[in-house]
Amino acid sequence: DSVTITKGQPVYAFSGTGDRMTVKRAYNTSETTSA
């Protein structure tokens, strides 16, 4: 994500890098950011 993700914030699986998934802050206004 473009900002620090703080403890307790929901996140969604965005992509991957090496052997690790990358995440961004989740929100419910689109399928991409919620599913």
PDB file of all heavy atoms in Angstrom:
ATOM      1  N   ASP A   1       0.855  -1.194   0.000  1.00  0.00           N
ATOM      2  CA  ASP A   1       0.000   0.000   0.000  1.00  0.00           C
ATOM      3  C   ASP A   1       0.889   1.241   0.000  1.00  0.00           C
ATOM      4  O   ASP A   1       2.109   1.154   0.126  1.00  0.00           O
ATOM      5  CB  ASP A   1      -0.912  -0.023   1.233  1.00  0.00           C
ATOM      6  CG  ASP A   1      -2.263   0.636   0.987  1.00  0.00           C
ATOM      7  OD1 ASP A   1      -2.325   1.612   0.216  1.00  0.00           O
ATOM      8  OD2 ASP A   1      -3.256   0.179   1.577  1.00  0.00           O
ATOM      9  N   SER A   2       0.293   2.416  -0.122  1.00  0.00           N
ATOM     10  CA  SER A   2       1.039   3.672  -0.158  1.00  0.00           C
ATOM     11  C   SER A   2       1.248   4.270   1.225  1.00  0.00           C
ATOM     12  O   SER A   2       1.905   5.303   1.352  1.00  0.00           O
ATOM     13  CB  SER A   2       0.308   4.676  -1.055  1.00  0.00           C
ATOM     14  OG  SER A   2      -0.996   4.901  -0.541  1.00  0.00           O
ATOM     15  N   VAL A   3       0.679   3.639   2.249  1.00  0.00           N
ATOM     16  CA  VAL A   3       0.797   4.118   3.630  1.00  0.00           C
ATOM     17  C   VAL A   3       1.053   2.931   4.556  1.00  0.00           C
ATOM     18  O   VAL A   3       0.868   1.771   4.179  1.00  0.00           O
ATOM     19  CB  VAL A   3      -0.494   4.852   4.093  1.00  0.00           C
ATOM     20  CG1 VAL A   3      -0.773   6.075   3.244  1.00  0.00           C
ATOM     21  CG2 VAL A   3      -1.682   3.908   4.080  1.00  0.00           C
ATOM     22  N   THR A   4       1.465   3.236   5.787  1.00  0.00           N
ATOM     23  CA  THR A   4       1.628   2.198   6.790  1.00  0.00           C
ATOM     24  C   THR A   4       0.276   1.575   7.094  1.00  0.00           C
ATOM     25  O   THR A   4      -0.717   2.286   7.270  1.00  0.00           O
ATOM     26  CB  THR A   4       2.246   2.779   8.084  1.00  0.00           C
ATOM     27  OG1 THR A   4       3.565   3.238   7.794  1.00  0.00           O
ATOM     28  CG2 THR A   4       2.279   1.752   9.203  1.00  0.00           C
ATOM     29  N   ILE A   5       0.230   0.269   7.123  1.00  0.00           N
ATOM     30  CA  ILE A   5      -0.978  -0.450   7.546  1.00  0.00           C
ATOM     31  C   ILE A   5      -0.856  -0.608   9.055  1.00  0.00           C
ATOM     32  O   ILE A   5       0.156  -1.121   9.546  1.00  0.00           O
ATOM     33  CB  ILE A   5      -1.074  -1.822   6.849  1.00  0.00           C
ATOM     34  CG1 ILE A   5      -1.235  -1.625   5.334  1.00  0.00           C
ATOM     35  CG2 ILE A   5      -2.224  -2.644   7.433  1.00  0.00           C
ATOM     36  CD1 ILE A   5      -1.113  -2.907   4.521  1.00  0.00           C
ATOM     37  N   THR A   6      -1.863  -0.141   9.776  1.00  0.00           N
ATOM     38  CA  THR A   6      -1.768  -0.171  11.236  1.00  0.00           C
ATOM     39  C   THR A   6      -2.471  -1.396  11.814  1.00  0.00           C
ATOM     40  O   THR A   6      -3.371  -1.971  11.197  1.00  0.00           O
ATOM     41  CB  THR A   6      -2.347   1.114  11.864  1.00  0.00           C
ATOM     42  OG1 THR A   6      -3.716   1.244  11.487  1.00  0.00           O
ATOM     43  CG2 THR A   6      -1.578   2.347  11.409  1.00  0.00           C
ATOM     44  N   LYS A   7      -2.047  -1.759  13.003  1.00  0.00           N
ATOM     45  CA  LYS A   7      -2.581  -2.937  13.690  1.00  0.00           C
ATOM     46  C   LYS A   7      -4.107  -2.867  13.735  1.00  0.00           C
ATOM     47  O   LYS A   7      -4.676  -1.846  14.106  1.00  0.00           O
ATOM     48  CB  LYS A   7      -2.024  -3.017  15.113  1.00  0.00           C
ATOM     49  CG  LYS A   7      -2.517  -4.226  15.875  1.00  0.00           C
ATOM     50  CD  LYS A   7      -1.901  -4.308  17.246  1.00  0.00           C
ATOM     51  CE  LYS A   7      -2.420  -5.541  17.964  1.00  0.00           C
ATOM     52  NZ  LYS A   7      -1.775  -5.676  19.283  1.00  0.00           N
ATOM     53  N   GLY A   8      -4.738  -3.960  13.319  1.00  0.00           N
ATOM     54  CA  GLY A   8      -6.196  -4.063  13.342  1.00  0.00           C
ATOM     55  C   GLY A   8      -6.866  -3.704  12.026  1.00  0.00           C
ATOM     56  O   GLY A   8      -8.042  -4.002  11.837  1.00  0.00           O
ATOM     57  N   GLN A   9      -6.143  -3.085  11.098  1.00  0.00           N
ATOM     58  CA  GLN A   9      -6.765  -2.733   9.819  1.00  0.00           C
ATOM     59  C   GLN A   9      -6.937  -3.976   8.951  1.00  0.00           C
ATOM     60  O   GLN A   9      -6.017  -4.791   8.841  1.00  0.00           O
ATOM     61  CB  GLN A   9      -5.936  -1.702   9.060  1.00  0.00           C
ATOM     62  CG  GLN A   9      -6.033  -0.308   9.634  1.00  0.00           C
ATOM     63  CD  GLN A   9      -5.364   0.711   8.736  1.00  0.00           C
ATOM     64  OE1 GLN A   9      -4.220   0.559   8.319  1.00  0.00           O
ATOM     65  NE2 GLN A   9      -6.099   1.772   8.422  1.00  0.00           N
ATOM     66  N   PRO A  10      -8.116  -4.126   8.316  1.00  0.00           N
ATOM     67  CA  PRO A  10      -8.306  -5.247   7.392  1.00  0.00           C
ATOM     68  C   PRO A  10      -7.485  -5.046   6.125  1.00  0.00           C
ATOM     69  O   PRO A  10      -7.346  -3.923   5.642  1.00  0.00           O
ATOM     70  CB  PRO A  10      -9.804  -5.224   7.091  1.00  0.00           C
ATOM     71  CG  PRO A  10     -10.286  -3.884   7.503  1.00  0.00           C
ATOM     72  CD  PRO A  10      -9.323  -3.325   8.483  1.00  0.00           C
ATOM     73  N   VAL A  11      -6.953  -6.158   5.607  1.00  0.00           N
ATOM     74  CA  VAL A  11      -6.143  -6.115   4.393  1.00  0.00           C
ATOM     75  C   VAL A  11      -6.631  -7.164   3.408  1.00  0.00           C
ATOM     76  O   VAL A  11      -7.250  -8.155   3.788  1.00  0.00           O
ATOM     77  CB  VAL A  11      -4.640  -6.328   4.693  1.00  0.00           C
ATOM     78  CG1 VAL A  11      -4.093  -5.229   5.583  1.00  0.00           C
ATOM     79  CG2 VAL A  11      -4.389  -7.697   5.301  1.00  0.00           C
ATOM     80  N   TYR A  12      -6.338  -6.918   2.130  1.00  0.00           N
ATOM     81  CA  TYR A  12      -6.676  -7.897   1.099  1.00  0.00           C
ATOM     82  C   TYR A  12      -5.416  -8.321   0.357  1.00  0.00           C
ATOM     83  O   TYR A  12      -4.431  -7.585   0.293  1.00  0.00           O
ATOM     84  CB  TYR A  12      -7.736  -7.371   0.134  1.00  0.00           C
ATOM     85  CG  TYR A  12      -7.292  -6.308  -0.844  1.00  0.00           C
ATOM     86  CD1 TYR A  12      -6.897  -6.649  -2.139  1.00  0.00           C
ATOM     87  CD2 TYR A  12      -7.306  -4.960  -0.505  1.00  0.00           C
ATOM     88  CE1 TYR A  12      -6.519  -5.681  -3.060  1.00  0.00           C
ATOM     89  CE2 TYR A  12      -6.928  -3.980  -1.415  1.00  0.00           C
ATOM     90  CZ  TYR A  12      -6.530  -4.351  -2.683  1.00  0.00           C
ATOM     91  OH  TYR A  12      -6.150  -3.389  -3.590  1.00  0.00           O
ATOM     92  N   ALA A  13      -5.455  -9.535  -0.191  1.00  0.00           N
ATOM     93  CA  ALA A  13      -4.345 -10.070  -0.972  1.00  0.00           C
ATOM     94  C   ALA A  13      -4.275  -9.294  -2.275  1.00  0.00           C
ATOM     95  O   ALA A  13      -5.204  -9.333  -3.079  1.00  0.00           O
ATOM     96  CB  ALA A  13      -4.564 -11.557  -1.234  1.00  0.00           C
ATOM     97  N   PHE A  14      -3.179  -8.581  -2.480  1.00  0.00           N
ATOM     98  CA  PHE A  14      -3.036  -7.753  -3.674  1.00  0.00           C
ATOM     99  C   PHE A  14      -2.240  -8.464  -4.761  1.00  0.00           C
ATOM    100  O   PHE A  14      -2.655  -8.546  -5.899  1.00  0.00           O
ATOM    101  CB  PHE A  14      -2.373  -6.420  -3.314  1.00  0.00           C
ATOM    102  CG  PHE A  14      -2.090  -5.542  -4.491  1.00  0.00           C
ATOM    103  CD1 PHE A  14      -3.131  -4.971  -5.207  1.00  0.00           C
ATOM    104  CD2 PHE A  14      -0.786  -5.297  -4.904  1.00  0.00           C
ATOM    105  CE1 PHE A  14      -2.880  -4.168  -6.308  1.00  0.00           C
ATOM    106  CE2 PHE A  14      -0.526  -4.491  -6.004  1.00  0.00           C
ATOM    107  CZ  PHE A  14      -1.572  -3.929  -6.700  1.00  0.00           C
ATOM    108  N   SER A  15      -1.076  -8.968  -4.413  1.00  0.00           N
ATOM    109  CA  SER A  15      -0.210  -9.602  -5.401  1.00  0.00           C
ATOM    110  C   SER A  15       0.778 -10.494  -4.666  1.00  0.00           C
ATOM    111  O   SER A  15       0.473 -10.990  -3.594  1.00  0.00           O
ATOM    112  CB  SER A  15       0.511  -8.514  -6.218  1.00  0.00           C
ATOM    113  OG  SER A  15       1.227  -9.096  -7.296  1.00  0.00           O
ATOM    114  N   GLY A  16       1.949 -10.664  -5.241  1.00  0.00           N
ATOM    115  CA  GLY A  16       2.977 -11.459  -4.598  1.00  0.00           C
ATOM    116  C   GLY A  16       4.347 -10.958  -4.981  1.00  0.00           C
ATOM    117  O   GLY A  16       4.530 -10.317  -6.016  1.00  0.00           O
ATOM    118  N   THR A  17       5.306 -11.214  -4.115  1.00  0.00           N
ATOM    119  CA  THR A  17       6.688 -10.856  -4.393  1.00  0.00           C
ATOM    120  C   THR A  17       7.576 -11.938  -3.807  1.00  0.00           C
ATOM    121  O   THR A  17       7.566 -12.174  -2.610  1.00  0.00           O
ATOM    122  CB  THR A  17       7.053  -9.472  -3.822  1.00  0.00           C
ATOM    123  OG1 THR A  17       8.431  -9.217  -4.047  1.00  0.00           O
ATOM    124  CG2 THR A  17       6.769  -9.336  -2.358  1.00  0.00           C
ATOM    125  N   GLY A  18       8.306 -12.637  -4.671  1.00  0.00           N
ATOM    126  CA  GLY A  18       9.131 -13.737  -4.178  1.00  0.00           C
ATOM    127  C   GLY A  18       8.255 -14.828  -3.597  1.00  0.00           C
ATOM    128  O   GLY A  18       7.381 -15.349  -4.264  1.00  0.00           O
ATOM    129  N   ASP A  19       8.462 -15.144  -2.338  1.00  0.00           N
ATOM    130  CA  ASP A  19       7.669 -16.186  -1.687  1.00  0.00           C
ATOM    131  C   ASP A  19       6.630 -15.602  -0.735  1.00  0.00           C
ATOM    132  O   ASP A  19       6.122 -16.281   0.143  1.00  0.00           O
ATOM    133  CB  ASP A  19       8.587 -17.152  -0.928  1.00  0.00           C
ATOM    134  CG  ASP A  19       9.327 -16.483   0.219  1.00  0.00           C
ATOM    135  OD1 ASP A  19       9.334 -15.234   0.294  1.00  0.00           O
ATOM    136  OD2 ASP A  19       9.903 -17.216   1.040  1.00  0.00           O
ATOM    137  N   ARG A  20       6.319 -14.317  -0.904  1.00  0.00           N
ATOM    138  CA  ARG A  20       5.408 -13.656   0.018  1.00  0.00           C
ATOM    139  C   ARG A  20       4.288 -12.926  -0.716  1.00  0.00           C
ATOM    140  O   ARG A  20       4.502 -12.335  -1.762  1.00  0.00           O
ATOM    141  CB  ARG A  20       6.197 -12.631   0.843  1.00  0.00           C
ATOM    142  CG  ARG A  20       5.853 -12.600   2.276  1.00  0.00           C
ATOM    143  CD  ARG A  20       6.806 -11.763   3.108  1.00  0.00           C
ATOM    144  NE  ARG A  20       7.988 -11.218   2.482  1.00  0.00           N
ATOM    145  CZ  ARG A  20       9.115 -11.886   2.230  1.00  0.00           C
ATOM    146  NH1 ARG A  20       9.213 -13.143   2.550  1.00  0.00           N
ATOM    147  NH2 ARG A  20      10.130 -11.293   1.653  1.00  0.00           N
ATOM    148  N   MET A  21       3.132 -12.960  -0.117  1.00  0.00           N
ATOM    149  CA  MET A  21       1.992 -12.220  -0.642  1.00  0.00           C
ATOM    150  C   MET A  21       2.159 -10.746  -0.277  1.00  0.00           C
ATOM    151  O   MET A  21       2.698 -10.418   0.776  1.00  0.00           O
ATOM    152  CB  MET A  21       0.707 -12.764  -0.003  1.00  0.00           C
ATOM    153  CG  MET A  21      -0.526 -12.056  -0.447  1.00  0.00           C
ATOM    154  SD  MET A  21      -2.081 -12.729   0.179  1.00  0.00           S
ATOM    155  CE  MET A  21      -1.622 -13.903   1.393  1.00  0.00           C
ATOM    156  N   THR A  22       1.674  -9.870  -1.162  1.00  0.00           N
ATOM    157  CA  THR A  22       1.620  -8.456  -0.827  1.00  0.00           C
ATOM    158  C   THR A  22       0.166  -8.104  -0.527  1.00  0.00           C
ATOM    159  O   THR A  22      -0.759  -8.711  -1.067  1.00  0.00           O
ATOM    160  CB  THR A  22       2.146  -7.563  -1.961  1.00  0.00           C
ATOM    161  OG1 THR A  22       1.331  -7.724  -3.109  1.00  0.00           O
ATOM    162  CG2 THR A  22       3.596  -7.894  -2.290  1.00  0.00           C
ATOM    163  N   VAL A  23      -0.013  -7.135   0.360  1.00  0.00           N
ATOM    164  CA  VAL A  23      -1.358  -6.741   0.791  1.00  0.00           C
ATOM    165  C   VAL A  23      -1.528  -5.232   0.721  1.00  0.00           C
ATOM    166  O   VAL A  23      -0.559  -4.482   0.703  1.00  0.00           O
ATOM    167  CB  VAL A  23      -1.654  -7.222   2.237  1.00  0.00           C
ATOM    168  CG1 VAL A  23      -1.649  -8.739   2.329  1.00  0.00           C
ATOM    169  CG2 VAL A  23      -0.694  -6.607   3.245  1.00  0.00           C
ATOM    170  N   LYS A  24      -2.794  -4.831   0.660  1.00  0.00           N
ATOM    171  CA  LYS A  24      -3.196  -3.435   0.770  1.00  0.00           C
ATOM    172  C   LYS A  24      -4.394  -3.377   1.711  1.00  0.00           C
ATOM    173  O   LYS A  24      -5.026  -4.404   1.995  1.00  0.00           O
ATOM    174  CB  LYS A  24      -3.592  -2.861  -0.602  1.00  0.00           C
ATOM    175  CG  LYS A  24      -2.422  -2.697  -1.549  1.00  0.00           C
ATOM    176  CD  LYS A  24      -2.847  -1.978  -2.814  1.00  0.00           C
ATOM    177  CE  LYS A  24      -1.636  -1.702  -3.696  1.00  0.00           C
ATOM    178  NZ  LYS A  24      -1.991  -0.839  -4.841  1.00  0.00           N
ATOM    179  N   ARG A  25      -4.739  -2.172   2.168  1.00  0.00           N
ATOM    180  CA  ARG A  25      -5.901  -2.006   3.051  1.00  0.00           C
ATOM    181  C   ARG A  25      -7.181  -2.353   2.288  1.00  0.00           C
ATOM    182  O   ARG A  25      -7.409  -1.870   1.187  1.00  0.00           O
ATOM    183  CB  ARG A  25      -5.974  -0.572   3.569  1.00  0.00           C
ATOM    184  CG  ARG A  25      -4.824  -0.198   4.505  1.00  0.00           C
ATOM    185  CD  ARG A  25      -4.737   1.286   4.733  1.00  0.00           C
ATOM    186  NE  ARG A  25      -4.500   1.932   3.439  1.00  0.00           N
ATOM    187  CZ  ARG A  25      -4.884   3.166   3.138  1.00  0.00           C
ATOM    188  NH1 ARG A  25      -5.522   3.899   4.024  1.00  0.00           N
ATOM    189  NH2 ARG A  25      -4.639   3.677   1.944  1.00  0.00           N
ATOM    190  N   ALA A  26      -8.000  -3.198   2.896  1.00  0.00           N
ATOM    191  CA  ALA A  26      -9.248  -3.647   2.275  1.00  0.00           C
ATOM    192  C   ALA A  26     -10.372  -2.651   2.551  1.00  0.00           C
ATOM    193  O   ALA A  26     -10.377  -1.968   3.576  1.00  0.00           O
ATOM    194  CB  ALA A  26      -9.627  -5.024   2.813  1.00  0.00           C
ATOM    195  N   TYR A  27     -11.346  -2.605   1.624  1.00  0.00           N
ATOM    196  CA  TYR A  27     -12.573  -1.830   1.823  1.00  0.00           C
ATOM    197  C   TYR A  27     -13.648  -2.402   0.919  1.00  0.00           C
ATOM    198  O   TYR A  27     -13.373  -3.111  -0.044  1.00  0.00           O
ATOM    199  CB  TYR A  27     -12.364  -0.331   1.603  1.00  0.00           C
ATOM    200  CG  TYR A  27     -11.696   0.060   0.311  1.00  0.00           C
ATOM    201  CD1 TYR A  27     -12.443   0.547  -0.754  1.00  0.00           C
ATOM    202  CD2 TYR A  27     -10.323  -0.041   0.166  1.00  0.00           C
ATOM    203  CE1 TYR A  27     -11.829   0.926  -1.939  1.00  0.00           C
ATOM    204  CE2 TYR A  27      -9.693   0.333  -1.026  1.00  0.00           C
ATOM    205  CZ  TYR A  27     -10.453   0.813  -2.071  1.00  0.00           C
ATOM    206  OH  TYR A  27      -9.844   1.174  -3.246  1.00  0.00           O
ATOM    207  N   ASN A  28     -14.921  -2.098   1.241  1.00  0.00           N
ATOM    208  CA  ASN A  28     -16.042  -2.835   0.652  1.00  0.00           C
ATOM    209  C   ASN A  28     -16.705  -2.206  -0.568  1.00  0.00           C
ATOM    210  O   ASN A  28     -17.765  -2.654  -0.975  1.00  0.00           O
ATOM    211  CB  ASN A  28     -17.102  -3.123   1.712  1.00  0.00           C
ATOM    212  CG  ASN A  28     -17.877  -1.896   2.149  1.00  0.00           C
ATOM    213  OD1 ASN A  28     -17.789  -0.822   1.560  1.00  0.00           O
ATOM    214  ND2 ASN A  28     -18.655  -2.046   3.211  1.00  0.00           N
ATOM    215  N   THR A  29     -16.094  -1.209  -1.190  1.00  0.00           N
ATOM    216  CA  THR A  29     -16.782  -0.544  -2.295  1.00  0.00           C
ATOM    217  C   THR A  29     -16.496  -1.166  -3.657  1.00  0.00           C
ATOM    218  O   THR A  29     -17.054  -0.723  -4.654  1.00  0.00           O
ATOM    219  CB  THR A  29     -16.448   0.958  -2.343  1.00  0.00           C
ATOM    220  OG1 THR A  29     -15.044   1.113  -2.511  1.00  0.00           O
ATOM    221  CG2 THR A  29     -16.918   1.661  -1.072  1.00  0.00           C
ATOM    222  N   SER A  30     -15.649  -2.190  -3.724  1.00  0.00           N
ATOM    223  CA  SER A  30     -15.408  -2.872  -4.996  1.00  0.00           C
ATOM    224  C   SER A  30     -15.085  -4.342  -4.739  1.00  0.00           C
ATOM    225  O   SER A  30     -14.624  -4.715  -3.660  1.00  0.00           O
ATOM    226  CB  SER A  30     -14.267  -2.217  -5.773  1.00  0.00           C
ATOM    227  OG  SER A  30     -13.011  -2.611  -5.264  1.00  0.00           O
ATOM    228  N   GLU A  31     -15.296  -5.152  -5.745  1.00  0.00           N
ATOM    229  CA  GLU A  31     -14.973  -6.580  -5.661  1.00  0.00           C
ATOM    230  C   GLU A  31     -13.470  -6.770  -5.467  1.00  0.00           C
ATOM    231  O   GLU A  31     -13.033  -7.601  -4.677  1.00  0.00           O
ATOM    232  CB  GLU A  31     -15.462  -7.285  -6.938  1.00  0.00           C
ATOM    233  CG  GLU A  31     -15.207  -8.757  -6.972  1.00  0.00           C
ATOM    234  CD  GLU A  31     -16.116  -9.586  -6.080  1.00  0.00           C
ATOM    235  OE1 GLU A  31     -16.979  -9.034  -5.383  1.00  0.00           O
ATOM    236  OE2 GLU A  31     -15.937 -10.813  -6.078  1.00  0.00           O
ATOM    237  N   THR A  32     -12.662  -5.982  -6.168  1.00  0.00           N
ATOM    238  CA  THR A  32     -11.210  -6.110  -6.103  1.00  0.00           C
ATOM    239  C   THR A  32     -10.681  -5.908  -4.692  1.00  0.00           C
ATOM    240  O   THR A  32      -9.792  -6.635  -4.257  1.00  0.00           O
ATOM    241  CB  THR A  32     -10.551  -5.087  -7.049  1.00  0.00           C
ATOM    242  OG1 THR A  32     -11.021  -5.322  -8.370  1.00  0.00           O
ATOM    243  CG2 THR A  32      -9.043  -5.185  -7.023  1.00  0.00           C
ATOM    244  N   THR A  33     -11.206  -4.936  -3.973  1.00  0.00           N
ATOM    245  CA  THR A  33     -10.662  -4.588  -2.657  1.00  0.00           C
ATOM    246  C   THR A  33     -11.375  -5.288  -1.502  1.00  0.00           C
ATOM    247  O   THR A  33     -11.051  -5.036  -0.351  1.00  0.00           O
ATOM    248  CB  THR A  33     -10.739  -3.068  -2.434  1.00  0.00           C
ATOM    249  OG1 THR A  33     -12.111  -2.662  -2.501  1.00  0.00           O
ATOM    250  CG2 THR A  33      -9.921  -2.321  -3.473  1.00  0.00           C
ATOM    251  N   SER A  34     -12.328  -6.171  -1.830  1.00  0.00           N
ATOM    252  CA  SER A  34     -13.052  -6.850  -0.758  1.00  0.00           C
ATOM    253  C   SER A  34     -13.027  -8.375  -0.861  1.00  0.00           C
ATOM    254  O   SER A  34     -12.928  -9.067   0.147  1.00  0.00           O
ATOM    255  CB  SER A  34     -14.503  -6.375  -0.701  1.00  0.00           C
ATOM    256  OG  SER A  34     -15.210  -6.755  -1.871  1.00  0.00           O
ATOM    257  N   ALA A  35     -13.108  -8.916  -2.068  1.00  0.00           N
ATOM    258  CA  ALA A  35     -13.263 -10.366  -2.242  1.00  0.00           C
ATOM    259  C   ALA A  35     -12.082 -11.162  -1.710  1.00  0.00           C
ATOM    260  O   ALA A  35     -12.249 -12.284  -1.253  1.00  0.00           O
ATOM    261  CB  ALA A  35     -13.488 -10.709  -3.714  1.00  0.00           C
TER     262      ALA A  35
END
